[in-house]
Structure formats: structure tokens, C-alpha cells
């Protein structure tokens, strides 16, 4: 049986809107990935613990609130502290282009903004996760 890429889709912070995250989760599932969706209003600690418990290859976070500069790096640090150095961490949502370099410097492998085709997300994950 072929091993599938496991992706945790997470909504950190106080966002109350998850339509985009659900669209991405469905696209990833349709591409053959195993997808675990954590639901709304997750703390960085909850996301890191879920990534560990679910033994995922990818953490994909979506945010609209503007707190990405604080929450995304915190998740990266917590995931790495748990010894998951091989987990790909990506982000998406309403993120100004000017904030993307700092997020990448903090350990976010790629940032996908509104309008990005879901096929681009799938392709990026397939190119960067080796099972």
C-alpha cells in the first residue's frame, strides 16, 4: 500500500472564517493526501500537538486576522521544539506581500495568498515532501 502525504490544515488564532481552509483541505484530499482539519480558533500549542499526534508531513495554516506575524512563527518554533524538523510548514490567507519575507525567514516554507490556484499548493507540497 502506498504511503500518503499527511497534511494538518489549521486555523490559528481568533479567525471565525474557514471557507478558504476548507477549499484547500478538499483540494489536498482530492489530490490524494490524507487531510486532518483542526477546526477554528486553534492555539499554536494545539496545532503543534496535533501535528505530533497525527504524525503529519505538512502543517498548512490559514489566517485572515492579521496575526500571521506572531502566530505562524510561534507554530514553527513549537513544532521544531517537538522534534519535527522534517515537517513542511506552509501558510496562506490574507497576508501582505511585504510580510512574506519575514515569515519565510521564520521558517514558513511558502506563503499562498488569495487567488492562488489550489493546484499550486498541491504541486509545492509534492515537490517538497519526500516519503
Protein backbone atom coordinates (compact mmCIF):
# COMPACT_ATOMS: atom_id res chain seq x y z
CA UNK A 1 0.00 0.00 0.00
CA UNK A 2 1.36 3.41 -1.00
CA UNK A 3 2.05 5.80 1.86
CA UNK A 4 0.13 9.08 1.54
CA UNK A 5 1.32 12.54 2.46
CA UNK A 6 -0.44 13.61 5.66
CA UNK A 7 -1.40 17.27 5.94
CA UNK A 8 -2.72 19.09 9.01
CA UNK A 9 -4.84 22.08 7.95
CA UNK A 10 -5.07 24.55 10.82
CA UNK A 11 -6.69 27.91 11.61
CA UNK A 12 -4.58 29.61 14.28
CA UNK A 13 -5.93 32.47 16.32
CA UNK A 14 -9.34 34.01 16.53
CA UNK A 15 -10.41 33.79 12.89
CA UNK A 16 -14.05 32.85 12.60
CA UNK A 17 -14.00 32.19 8.86
CA UNK A 18 -12.65 28.97 7.40
CA UNK A 19 -14.04 28.74 3.88
CA UNK A 20 -10.58 29.09 2.30
CA UNK A 21 -9.08 26.48 4.61
CA UNK A 22 -11.87 24.06 3.73
CA UNK A 23 -11.37 24.67 0.00
CA UNK A 24 -7.65 23.92 0.35
CA UNK A 25 -8.34 20.88 2.54
CA UNK A 26 -10.70 19.46 -0.07
CA UNK A 27 -8.22 20.12 -2.91
CA UNK A 28 -5.48 18.35 -0.96
CA UNK A 29 -7.75 15.41 -0.25
CA UNK A 30 -8.77 15.25 -3.91
CA UNK A 31 -5.06 15.20 -4.82
CA UNK A 32 -4.63 12.04 -2.77
CA UNK A 33 -3.31 13.46 0.50
CA UNK A 34 -4.61 12.44 3.91
CA UNK A 35 -6.01 15.63 5.45
CA UNK A 36 -6.70 16.40 9.08
CA UNK A 37 -8.56 19.65 9.71
CA UNK A 38 -8.29 21.08 13.23
CA UNK A 39 -11.19 23.49 13.05
CA UNK A 40 -11.40 27.14 14.04
CA UNK A 41 -9.63 29.09 16.78
CA UNK A 42 -6.67 26.83 17.45
CA UNK A 43 -3.78 27.92 19.61
CA UNK A 44 -0.23 27.41 18.34
CA UNK A 45 0.19 24.81 21.10
CA UNK A 46 -2.87 22.88 19.93
CA UNK A 47 -1.64 22.93 16.33
CA UNK A 48 1.85 21.70 17.24
CA UNK A 49 0.44 18.95 19.45
CA UNK A 50 -1.99 17.85 16.71
CA UNK A 51 0.89 17.74 14.22
CA UNK A 52 2.81 15.48 16.58
CA UNK A 53 -0.15 13.23 17.44
CA UNK A 54 -1.24 12.87 13.81
CA UNK A 55 2.33 12.27 12.57
CA UNK A 56 1.89 14.68 9.67
CA UNK A 57 4.30 15.58 6.89
CA UNK A 58 2.86 19.08 6.42
CA UNK A 59 1.28 21.77 8.58
CA UNK A 60 -0.78 24.13 6.40
CA UNK A 61 -2.07 27.18 8.25
CA UNK A 62 -4.66 29.68 7.06
CA UNK A 63 -5.19 33.08 8.62
CA UNK A 64 -7.25 36.18 7.91
CA UNK A 65 -6.93 38.12 11.15
CA UNK A 66 -3.59 39.80 10.53
CA UNK A 67 -1.88 37.92 13.37
CA UNK A 68 0.25 35.82 11.00
CA UNK A 69 3.45 37.64 12.02
CA UNK A 70 3.03 36.37 15.57
CA UNK A 71 1.16 33.08 15.22
CA UNK A 72 2.93 31.47 12.24
CA UNK A 73 6.46 31.75 13.74
CA UNK A 74 5.14 30.52 17.09
CA UNK A 75 3.76 27.38 15.45
CA UNK A 76 7.07 26.84 13.63
CA UNK A 77 9.00 27.12 16.90
CA UNK A 78 6.67 24.76 18.79
CA UNK A 79 6.71 22.16 16.00
CA UNK A 80 10.51 22.27 15.87
CA UNK A 81 10.75 22.07 19.69
CA UNK A 82 8.78 18.83 19.49
CA UNK A 83 11.49 17.40 17.24
CA UNK A 84 9.54 17.58 13.98
CA UNK A 85 12.35 19.06 11.92
CA UNK A 86 11.22 17.32 8.72
CA UNK A 87 7.67 18.70 8.76
CA UNK A 88 6.96 21.18 5.96
CA UNK A 89 5.15 24.25 7.30
CA UNK A 90 3.23 26.46 4.88
CA UNK A 91 0.82 29.33 5.33
CA UNK A 92 -1.87 31.12 3.47
CA UNK A 93 -4.60 33.69 3.74
CA UNK A 94 -4.80 37.44 3.68
CA UNK A 95 -1.12 38.24 4.10
CA UNK A 96 0.50 41.39 2.69
CA UNK A 97 3.35 40.71 0.25
CA UNK A 98 5.60 42.84 2.45
CA UNK A 99 5.17 40.36 5.35
CA UNK A 100 6.12 37.26 3.37
CA UNK A 101 9.95 37.55 3.61
CA UNK A 102 9.81 37.69 7.42
CA UNK A 103 7.51 34.67 7.53
CA UNK A 104 9.88 32.70 5.31
CA UNK A 105 12.81 33.74 7.49
CA UNK A 106 10.84 32.45 10.50
CA UNK A 107 10.52 29.01 8.88
CA UNK A 108 7.38 29.13 6.76
CA UNK A 109 8.39 27.29 3.58
CA UNK A 110 5.87 29.08 1.35
CA UNK A 111 3.01 31.54 1.65
CA UNK A 112 -0.06 31.31 -0.56
CA UNK A 113 -2.26 34.39 -0.87
CA UNK A 114 -5.87 34.72 -2.08
CA UNK A 115 -6.32 33.75 -5.70
CA UNK A 116 -3.52 31.16 -5.70
CA UNK A 117 -4.75 28.09 -7.58
CA UNK A 118 -5.05 25.10 -5.26
CA UNK A 119 -3.03 23.15 -7.83
CA UNK A 120 -0.05 25.36 -6.90
CA UNK A 121 -0.37 24.31 -3.26
CA UNK A 122 -0.60 20.64 -4.25
CA UNK A 123 2.42 20.95 -6.53
CA UNK A 124 4.51 22.71 -3.87
CA UNK A 125 3.76 20.00 -1.30
CA UNK A 126 4.52 17.18 -3.73
CA UNK A 127 7.83 18.81 -4.67
CA UNK A 128 8.92 19.39 -1.07
CA UNK A 129 7.74 16.28 0.80
CA UNK A 130 9.62 13.07 0.22
CA UNK A 131 8.14 9.94 1.77
